[in-house]
């Protein structure tokens, strides 16, 4: 084998080994750094805050390189806004909350039901009879506030027909027990501790809310639900019978720009440790994959999709024949190199191959990769290879080999430049210390 051929063959081997070594190094570095994820979870006393806190504890135990920060927020409306602005990476929301194009679904957590509590001494027996009454509601940024307005409009009431008062949970509880308001509305899981404390005062009752099927004609995210008899007390039972109520799912969602690997890790924590999660928060027994949701408009996040489709054939399995063909082509290219007939043609191929490798090395070490620059350089090289082929300085075999090498290096360089930009952008979004964490609402 001539010296030129040996150099070309060695360069190809070194290029291939270098590519895989660099790729493995980047993967190793990425897997050994701690990643931070901020999840908006509503009020600290709520069920969703308790569930996200439990998921955070699982991450500490089973995925120590993933740090989940649980942020107290003003509710679903604020959560979706903060997701869209990049202030949160994930959040819990009601399924009937408008989300916009930058929110993606991860999983369904548990069902919430519409619960309307009224004072027994006010003679209120339906939603329509709230006209002229005072109603305690959560903050205007919450999904619960929006749900009540939707419900009131269905029963022919506008906000001007009632005295709607946004109050904290503690203030609202005190107000309805002591007669400061006539009614209180919440979208909460049956048996909610806050509502149980109010109901045990015996000053209030729970009203049924019928016509869920009709409500679904306007808001498909609402489902038919039941508040079971005895949800808040067994003897005497409160409520004393099953009450029909609208139900809406509590969802875990993520921003569209959150890396898929992070979302996949959170999804895996939830589903692979559900038994332990249930010991921390009983509502985790209602966690369900998105395919159980009927006609839900929020697209599935790519990271969650990876977990749900984990049993499907892997990329290697699906493309085994293609990869085998690729290896065969590489082996054939090396064999073709050994058969080049003239020193002049060998020298030409050797020179171009060194030039391609040098360009690749330049791209790898370039701190500010410019995809257009490398595209222009690759096209210049290819133009010279084409002219040498036309002039007879490179035979058909040499031209085919260099065309193949050019294609592979072109793809590799473009991938390197894009990956470097992607990692730089993602690094800027990840808080570098606890002091960079988003402020609580």
Protein backbone atom coordinates (compact mmCIF):
# COMPACT_ATOMS: atom_id res chain seq x y z
CA UNK A 1 0.00 0.00 0.00
CA UNK A 2 1.42 3.41 -0.97
CA UNK A 3 2.18 6.09 1.60
CA UNK A 4 -0.64 8.29 0.28
CA UNK A 5 -3.22 5.52 0.60
CA UNK A 6 -2.06 4.71 4.12
CA UNK A 7 -2.48 8.34 5.11
CA UNK A 8 -5.98 8.49 3.64
CA UNK A 9 -7.02 5.26 5.32
CA UNK A 10 -5.59 6.42 8.67
CA UNK A 11 -7.33 9.78 8.36
CA UNK A 12 -10.71 8.13 7.75
CA UNK A 13 -10.21 5.89 10.80
CA UNK A 14 -9.12 8.84 12.95
CA UNK A 15 -12.07 10.92 11.78
CA UNK A 16 -14.53 8.15 12.62
CA UNK A 17 -12.98 7.52 16.05
CA UNK A 18 -12.78 11.23 16.81
CA UNK A 19 -16.42 11.76 15.93
CA UNK A 20 -17.58 9.04 18.32
CA UNK A 21 -15.18 10.13 21.09
CA UNK A 22 -16.47 13.72 20.90
CA UNK A 23 -20.10 12.57 20.88
CA UNK A 24 -19.52 10.28 23.87
CA UNK A 25 -17.80 13.09 25.77
CA UNK A 26 -20.68 15.50 25.22
CA UNK A 27 -23.19 12.89 26.36
CA UNK A 28 -21.13 12.12 29.48
CA UNK A 29 -20.83 15.80 30.43
CA UNK A 30 -24.56 16.37 29.94
CA UNK A 31 -25.47 13.35 32.08
CA UNK A 32 -23.29 14.48 35.01
CA UNK A 33 -24.60 18.00 35.56
CA UNK A 34 -27.50 18.87 37.85
CA UNK A 35 -30.52 20.20 36.02
CA UNK A 36 -33.12 22.48 37.62
CA UNK A 37 -36.84 22.36 36.88
CA UNK A 38 -39.32 24.90 38.29
CA UNK A 39 -42.93 23.69 38.55
CA UNK A 40 -45.79 26.08 39.34
CA UNK A 41 -48.21 24.30 41.66
CA UNK A 42 -50.85 26.77 42.86
CA UNK A 43 -51.56 27.54 46.51
CA UNK A 44 -49.50 25.82 49.20
CA UNK A 45 -52.62 24.40 50.82
CA UNK A 46 -53.89 22.85 47.59
CA UNK A 47 -53.78 19.25 46.41
CA UNK A 48 -51.68 20.05 43.33
CA UNK A 49 -48.98 21.69 45.46
CA UNK A 50 -48.88 18.60 47.67
CA UNK A 51 -48.59 16.32 44.63
CA UNK A 52 -45.82 18.29 42.96
CA UNK A 53 -43.98 18.42 46.31
CA UNK A 54 -44.20 14.63 46.46
CA UNK A 55 -42.81 14.36 42.90
CA UNK A 56 -39.95 16.64 43.97
CA UNK A 57 -39.17 14.27 46.87
CA UNK A 58 -39.08 11.35 44.45
CA UNK A 59 -36.59 13.24 42.27
CA UNK A 60 -34.32 13.85 45.29
CA UNK A 61 -34.40 10.14 46.07
CA UNK A 62 -34.28 8.50 42.64
CA UNK A 63 -32.83 11.16 40.30
CA UNK A 64 -30.42 13.31 42.37
CA UNK A 65 -29.14 15.08 39.25
CA UNK A 66 -32.64 16.53 38.76
CA UNK A 67 -33.64 19.30 41.18
CA UNK A 68 -37.36 20.16 41.16
CA UNK A 69 -38.32 23.50 42.68
CA UNK A 70 -42.00 23.73 43.68
CA UNK A 71 -43.27 27.29 43.18
CA UNK A 72 -46.40 28.65 44.85
CA UNK A 73 -48.50 30.49 42.26
CA UNK A 74 -51.86 32.18 41.86
CA UNK A 75 -53.49 29.36 39.91
CA UNK A 76 -53.99 28.01 36.40
CA UNK A 77 -54.23 31.35 34.62
CA UNK A 78 -51.01 32.66 36.11
CA UNK A 79 -49.30 29.33 35.49
CA UNK A 80 -50.06 29.32 31.77
CA UNK A 81 -48.85 32.91 31.44
CA UNK A 82 -45.59 32.14 33.27
CA UNK A 83 -45.06 29.04 31.11
CA UNK A 84 -45.48 31.09 27.96
CA UNK A 85 -42.98 33.66 29.26
CA UNK A 86 -40.45 30.99 30.23
CA UNK A 87 -40.69 31.81 33.96
CA UNK A 88 -41.81 28.25 34.71
CA UNK A 89 -40.78 25.01 33.01
CA UNK A 90 -43.82 22.97 34.13
CA UNK A 91 -47.09 23.67 35.96
CA UNK A 92 -50.41 22.25 37.08
CA UNK A 93 -53.56 23.65 35.49
CA UNK A 94 -57.25 22.88 35.16
CA UNK A 95 -58.04 21.17 31.88
CA UNK A 96 -60.52 23.92 30.94
CA UNK A 97 -57.82 26.64 31.11
CA UNK A 98 -56.92 28.35 27.80
CA UNK A 99 -53.25 27.60 27.20
CA UNK A 100 -52.01 29.08 23.93
CA UNK A 101 -49.47 27.53 21.53
CA UNK A 102 -46.47 27.26 23.89
CA UNK A 103 -47.91 24.75 26.38
CA UNK A 104 -47.67 20.97 26.06
CA UNK A 105 -49.38 18.17 27.98
CA UNK A 106 -47.45 15.75 30.21
CA UNK A 107 -50.07 13.79 32.19
CA UNK A 108 -53.46 13.91 33.86
CA UNK A 109 -53.03 14.08 37.64
CA UNK A 110 -56.48 13.77 39.25
CA UNK A 111 -60.11 14.92 38.88
CA UNK A 112 -61.39 18.18 40.36
CA UNK A 113 -65.10 18.80 40.73
CA UNK A 114 -67.12 22.02 40.80
CA UNK A 115 -68.25 22.57 44.40
CA UNK A 116 -70.72 25.29 45.36
CA UNK A 117 -71.20 25.80 49.10
CA UNK A 118 -74.02 28.08 50.31
CA UNK A 119 -75.19 29.10 53.75
CA UNK A 120 -78.21 27.14 54.95
CA UNK A 121 -79.97 30.30 56.16
CA UNK A 122 -79.92 32.04 52.75
CA UNK A 123 -82.52 29.89 50.92
CA UNK A 124 -80.27 29.27 47.92
CA UNK A 125 -81.01 25.98 46.16
CA UNK A 126 -79.52 26.43 42.68
CA UNK A 127 -76.87 28.37 40.80
CA UNK A 128 -79.52 30.62 39.30
CA UNK A 129 -80.58 31.76 42.79
CA UNK A 130 -77.16 33.38 43.37
CA UNK A 131 -78.50 36.54 41.73
CA UNK A 132 -77.99 39.45 44.12
CA UNK A 133 -75.84 37.30 46.46
CA UNK A 134 -72.21 37.61 47.51
CA UNK A 135 -69.89 34.83 46.36
CA UNK A 136 -66.34 34.18 47.65
CA UNK A 137 -63.95 33.19 44.84
CA UNK A 138 -60.20 32.61 44.46
CA UNK A 139 -58.00 35.17 42.70
CA UNK A 140 -58.95 36.41 39.26
CA UNK A 141 -55.86 34.71 37.80
CA UNK A 142 -57.08 31.28 38.88
CA UNK A 143 -58.83 28.75 36.70
CA UNK A 144 -61.49 28.45 39.41
CA UNK A 145 -62.56 32.08 38.96
CA UNK A 146 -62.90 31.55 35.21
CA UNK A 147 -64.81 28.28 35.78
CA UNK A 148 -67.36 30.05 37.99
CA UNK A 149 -67.97 32.77 35.41
CA UNK A 150 -68.51 30.08 32.77
CA UNK A 151 -70.98 28.28 35.05
CA UNK A 152 -72.82 31.49 35.95
CA UNK A 153 -73.24 32.49 32.30
CA UNK A 154 -74.80 29.11 31.54
CA UNK A 155 -77.41 29.78 34.24
CA UNK A 156 -78.14 33.27 32.89
CA UNK A 157 -76.05 35.30 35.33
CA UNK A 158 -73.48 37.97 34.54
CA UNK A 159 -70.81 39.22 36.95
CA UNK A 160 -72.93 42.35 37.53
CA UNK A 161 -75.77 40.21 38.86
CA UNK A 162 -73.69 39.10 41.87
CA UNK A 163 -71.17 40.50 44.33
CA UNK A 164 -68.06 38.51 43.40
CA UNK A 165 -65.28 38.79 45.99
CA UNK A 166 -61.77 37.42 45.41
CA UNK A 167 -60.50 36.19 48.77
CA UNK A 168 -57.73 34.02 50.17
CA UNK A 169 -58.70 30.51 51.25
CA UNK A 170 -58.53 31.38 54.94
CA UNK A 171 -60.55 34.59 54.56
CA UNK A 172 -63.19 32.85 52.42
CA UNK A 173 -63.58 30.05 54.97
CA UNK A 174 -64.08 32.52 57.79
CA UNK A 175 -66.49 34.66 55.75
CA UNK A 176 -68.92 31.89 54.80
CA UNK A 177 -68.91 30.31 58.28
CA UNK A 178 -69.65 33.65 59.95
CA UNK A 179 -72.12 34.96 57.38
CA UNK A 180 -69.85 37.45 55.62
CA UNK A 181 -70.72 35.93 52.21
CA UNK A 182 -73.65 33.89 50.95
CA UNK A 183 -71.76 31.32 48.90
CA UNK A 184 -68.30 29.94 48.15
CA UNK A 185 -67.14 28.27 44.92
CA UNK A 186 -64.18 25.95 44.52
CA UNK A 187 -62.89 23.48 41.94
CA UNK A 188 -61.34 20.89 44.20
CA UNK A 189 -61.03 17.14 44.64
CA UNK A 190 -63.84 15.50 46.68
CA UNK A 191 -62.99 15.46 50.38
CA UNK A 192 -60.79 18.57 50.17
CA UNK A 193 -59.47 19.40 53.66
CA UNK A 194 -60.27 23.12 53.44
CA UNK A 195 -63.88 22.48 52.43
CA UNK A 196 -64.26 19.72 55.02
CA UNK A 197 -63.42 22.19 57.78
CA UNK A 198 -66.08 24.60 56.51
CA UNK A 199 -68.73 21.89 56.19
CA UNK A 200 -68.10 20.63 59.73
CA UNK A 201 -69.36 23.99 61.00
CA UNK A 202 -72.90 22.90 59.93
CA UNK A 203 -73.55 26.43 58.65
CA UNK A 204 -73.37 25.47 54.96
CA UNK A 205 -74.64 22.92 52.48
CA UNK A 206 -73.40 21.70 49.09
CA UNK A 207 -75.57 22.24 46.01
CA UNK A 208 -75.84 19.85 43.07
CA UNK A 209 -74.84 21.32 39.69
CA UNK A 210 -76.71 19.45 36.94
CA UNK A 211 -76.61 19.72 33.13
CA UNK A 212 -72.96 18.75 32.69
CA UNK A 213 -73.67 17.32 29.23
CA UNK A 214 -75.00 20.71 28.13
CA UNK A 215 -71.95 22.46 29.59
CA UNK A 216 -69.71 20.14 27.54
CA UNK A 217 -71.25 21.46 24.34
CA UNK A 218 -69.46 24.72 25.09
CA UNK A 219 -66.42 23.41 27.01
CA UNK A 220 -65.39 19.85 25.98
CA UNK A 221 -62.79 19.67 28.78
CA UNK A 222 -65.61 19.39 31.32
CA UNK A 223 -66.75 15.85 32.13
CA UNK A 224 -69.69 14.39 34.02
CA UNK A 225 -68.74 13.88 37.64
CA UNK A 226 -70.22 12.91 40.98
CA UNK A 227 -69.55 14.20 44.48
CA UNK A 228 -70.03 10.93 46.40
CA UNK A 229 -72.35 10.76 49.43
CA UNK A 230 -70.32 11.01 52.61
CA UNK A 231 -67.33 12.73 50.98
CA UNK A 232 -67.04 15.15 53.91
CA UNK A 233 -68.70 13.28 56.74
CA UNK A 234 -69.97 9.78 57.30
CA UNK A 235 -72.66 10.20 60.00
CA UNK A 236 -74.74 12.06 59.23
CA UNK A 237 -73.53 11.83 55.64
CA UNK A 238 -72.43 15.01 53.90
CA UNK A 239 -73.50 15.17 51.21
CA UNK A 240 -76.37 12.88 52.10
CA UNK A 241 -76.60 11.54 48.52
CA UNK A 242 -74.46 11.45 45.39
CA UNK A 243 -74.55 14.90 43.83
CA UNK A 244 -74.15 15.46 40.06
CA UNK A 245 -71.38 18.00 39.45
CA UNK A 246 -69.14 18.99 36.54
CA UNK A 247 -65.65 17.50 36.71
CA UNK A 248 -62.44 18.82 35.19
CA UNK A 249 -59.03 17.18 35.19
CA UNK A 250 -56.00 18.66 36.91
CA UNK A 251 -53.16 18.43 34.38
CA UNK A 252 -49.40 18.59 34.51
CA UNK A 253 -48.12 20.60 31.55
CA UNK A 254 -44.74 21.86 30.31
CA UNK A 255 -43.45 24.68 28.15
CA UNK A 256 -42.83 23.75 24.53
CA UNK A 257 -39.12 24.69 24.86
CA UNK A 258 -38.40 22.47 27.88
CA UNK A 259 -35.87 19.82 26.75
CA UNK A 260 -37.55 16.46 26.08
CA UNK A 261 -35.10 14.56 28.27
CA UNK A 262 -36.18 16.61 31.34
CA UNK A 263 -39.87 16.00 30.72
CA UNK A 264 -39.21 12.32 30.08
CA UNK A 265 -37.38 12.02 33.42
CA UNK A 266 -40.26 13.64 35.32
CA UNK A 267 -42.80 11.41 33.56
CA UNK A 268 -40.74 8.33 34.42
CA UNK A 269 -40.57 9.39 38.09
CA UNK A 270 -44.35 9.72 38.24
CA UNK A 271 -45.23 6.41 36.60
CA UNK A 272 -42.42 4.16 37.81
CA UNK A 273 -42.83 5.17 41.47
CA UNK A 274 -46.61 5.52 41.68
CA UNK A 275 -46.90 3.22 44.69
CA UNK A 276 -44.53 5.37 46.72
CA UNK A 277 -46.19 8.51 45.36
CA UNK A 278 -49.54 7.18 46.61
CA UNK A 279 -48.13 6.90 50.13
CA UNK A 280 -47.27 10.62 49.96
CA UNK A 281 -50.47 11.86 48.32
CA UNK A 282 -53.53 9.58 47.84
CA UNK A 283 -54.76 11.51 44.79
CA UNK A 284 -51.88 10.04 42.80
CA UNK A 285 -54.07 6.97 42.38
CA UNK A 286 -55.97 8.95 39.74
CA UNK A 287 -52.89 9.70 37.59
CA UNK A 288 -53.64 8.69 34.01
CA UNK A 289 -51.83 8.80 30.69
CA UNK A 290 -53.09 11.43 28.21
CA UNK A 291 -54.69 8.79 25.95
CA UNK A 292 -57.45 8.52 28.57
CA UNK A 293 -58.44 12.14 28.01
CA UNK A 294 -61.33 12.66 25.64
CA UNK A 295 -60.78 15.10 22.80
CA UNK A 296 -58.20 17.20 24.65
CA UNK A 297 -56.74 20.07 22.61
CA UNK A 298 -53.30 20.42 24.28
CA UNK A 299 -50.59 18.65 22.23
CA UNK A 300 -48.44 16.08 24.00
CA UNK A 301 -44.89 17.13 24.93
CA UNK A 302 -42.21 15.23 23.03
CA UNK A 303 -40.51 14.14 26.26
CA UNK A 304 -43.72 12.65 27.64
CA UNK A 305 -44.36 10.97 24.30
CA UNK A 306 -40.96 9.27 24.51
CA UNK A 307 -41.89 7.73 27.83
CA UNK A 308 -45.37 6.60 26.77
CA UNK A 309 -43.95 5.06 23.59
CA UNK A 310 -40.97 3.47 25.35
CA UNK A 311 -42.09 -0.07 24.41
CA UNK A 312 -42.02 0.71 20.70
CA UNK A 313 -38.98 -0.49 18.72
CA UNK A 314 -35.91 1.65 19.25
CA UNK A 315 -34.27 3.68 16.51
CA UNK A 316 -31.54 1.04 16.16
CA UNK A 317 -34.09 -1.74 15.90
CA UNK A 318 -36.17 0.09 13.32
CA UNK A 319 -33.12 1.09 11.25
CA UNK A 320 -30.91 -1.98 11.66
CA UNK A 321 -30.83 -2.66 7.92
CA UNK A 322 -30.01 0.96 7.10
CA UNK A 323 -27.20 1.06 9.67
CA UNK A 324 -25.82 -2.23 8.33
CA UNK A 325 -25.86 -0.71 4.86
CA UNK A 326 -24.04 2.36 6.17
CA UNK A 327 -21.28 0.22 7.69
CA UNK A 328 -21.05 -1.77 4.46
CA UNK A 329 -20.63 1.44 2.48
CA UNK A 330 -17.85 2.59 4.83
CA UNK A 331 -16.08 -0.73 4.42
CA UNK A 332 -16.53 -0.54 0.68
CA UNK A 333 -15.14 3.00 0.63
CA UNK A 334 -12.01 1.82 2.46
CA UNK A 335 -11.68 -1.02 -0.04
CA UNK A 336 -12.02 1.37 -2.96
CA UNK A 337 -9.18 3.47 -1.55
CA UNK A 338 -6.90 0.44 -1.67
CA UNK A 339 -7.62 -0.02 -5.40
CA UNK A 340 -6.75 3.46 -6.67
CA UNK A 341 -4.41 2.94 -9.62
CA UNK A 342 -2.14 5.96 -9.94
CA UNK A 343 -0.05 8.00 -7.52
CA UNK A 344 -1.32 11.23 -9.01
CA UNK A 345 -4.94 10.31 -8.39
CA UNK A 346 -4.07 8.97 -4.95
CA UNK A 347 -2.37 12.25 -4.09
CA UNK A 348 -5.41 14.24 -5.24
CA UNK A 349 -7.80 12.16 -3.14
CA UNK A 350 -5.42 12.34 -0.16
CA UNK A 351 -5.21 16.13 -0.37
CA UNK A 352 -8.96 16.60 -0.56
CA UNK A 353 -9.54 14.17 2.31
CA UNK A 354 -7.06 16.09 4.51
CA UNK A 355 -8.82 19.32 3.61
CA UNK A 356 -12.21 17.89 4.62
CA UNK A 357 -10.83 16.61 7.93
CA UNK A 358 -9.19 19.98 8.65
CA UNK A 359 -12.52 21.71 8.01
CA UNK A 360 -14.24 19.30 10.37
CA UNK A 361 -11.62 19.92 13.09
CA UNK A 362 -12.05 23.65 12.62
CA UNK A 363 -15.81 23.31 13.15
CA UNK A 364 -15.32 21.22 16.30
CA UNK A 365 -13.02 23.82 17.92
CA UNK A 366 -14.82 26.91 16.63
CA UNK A 367 -16.36 28.71 19.70
CA UNK A 368 -18.75 30.64 17.47
CA UNK A 369 -19.87 28.23 14.72
CA UNK A 370 -21.24 29.79 11.52
CA UNK A 371 -23.24 27.33 9.49
CA UNK A 372 -23.18 29.49 6.34
CA UNK A 373 -19.37 29.77 6.40
CA UNK A 374 -18.89 26.02 6.55
CA UNK A 375 -21.52 25.44 3.86
CA UNK A 376 -19.58 27.78 1.52
CA UNK A 377 -16.28 26.02 2.26
CA UNK A 378 -17.82 22.59 1.58
CA UNK A 379 -19.31 23.79 -1.73
CA UNK A 380 -15.93 25.23 -2.78
CA UNK A 381 -14.23 21.89 -2.10
CA UNK A 382 -16.91 19.97 -3.97
CA UNK A 383 -16.61 22.29 -6.99
CA UNK A 384 -12.86 21.61 -7.20
CA UNK A 385 -13.42 17.85 -6.84
CA UNK A 386 -15.97 17.99 -9.67
CA UNK A 387 -13.59 19.93 -11.95
CA UNK A 388 -10.73 17.47 -11.26
CA UNK A 389 -13.05 14.61 -12.12
CA UNK A 390 -14.05 16.26 -15.39
CA UNK A 391 -10.37 16.92 -16.23
CA UNK A 392 -9.43 13.28 -15.60
CA UNK A 393 -7.35 14.05 -12.50
CA UNK A 394 -9.67 11.88 -10.37
CA UNK A 395 -11.18 8.69 -11.71
CA UNK A 396 -14.76 7.54 -11.13
CA UNK A 397 -13.85 5.49 -8.07
CA UNK A 398 -12.06 8.40 -6.39
CA UNK A 399 -14.90 10.81 -7.20
CA UNK A 400 -17.49 8.47 -5.69
CA UNK A 401 -15.46 8.10 -2.52
CA UNK A 402 -14.96 11.85 -2.10
CA UNK A 403 -18.66 12.51 -2.81
CA UNK A 404 -19.58 10.08 -0.07
CA UNK A 405 -17.05 11.62 2.35
CA UNK A 406 -18.26 15.12 1.45
CA UNK A 407 -21.89 14.21 2.20
CA UNK A 408 -21.00 12.66 5.56
CA UNK A 409 -18.81 15.58 6.64
CA UNK A 410 -21.36 18.13 5.46
CA UNK A 411 -24.03 16.53 7.66
CA UNK A 412 -21.62 16.23 10.59
CA UNK A 413 -20.51 19.88 10.44
CA UNK A 414 -24.07 21.19 10.20
CA UNK A 415 -25.05 19.01 13.17
CA UNK A 416 -22.08 20.30 15.21
CA UNK A 417 -22.90 23.97 14.55
CA UNK A 418 -26.58 23.54 15.38
CA UNK A 419 -25.86 21.49 18.49
CA UNK A 420 -23.41 24.13 19.75
CA UNK A 421 -26.03 26.88 19.31
CA UNK A 422 -28.74 24.74 20.93
CA UNK A 423 -26.59 24.00 23.98
CA UNK A 424 -25.65 27.68 24.35
CA UNK A 425 -29.33 28.71 24.21
CA UNK A 426 -30.38 26.04 26.69
CA UNK A 427 -27.53 27.02 29.06
CA UNK A 428 -28.87 30.59 29.15
CA UNK A 429 -32.37 29.39 30.13
CA UNK A 430 -31.27 27.18 33.05
CA UNK A 431 -30.89 29.13 36.38
CA UNK A 432 -27.30 28.89 37.58
CA UNK A 433 -28.06 29.07 41.32
CA UNK A 434 -31.02 29.05 43.73
CA UNK A 435 -30.88 32.84 43.69
CA UNK A 436 -31.86 32.78 40.02
CA UNK A 437 -35.08 30.93 40.69
CA UNK A 438 -38.35 32.63 39.60
CA UNK A 439 -40.02 34.58 42.40
CA UNK A 440 -43.11 33.09 44.02
CA UNK A 441 -46.40 34.59 42.92
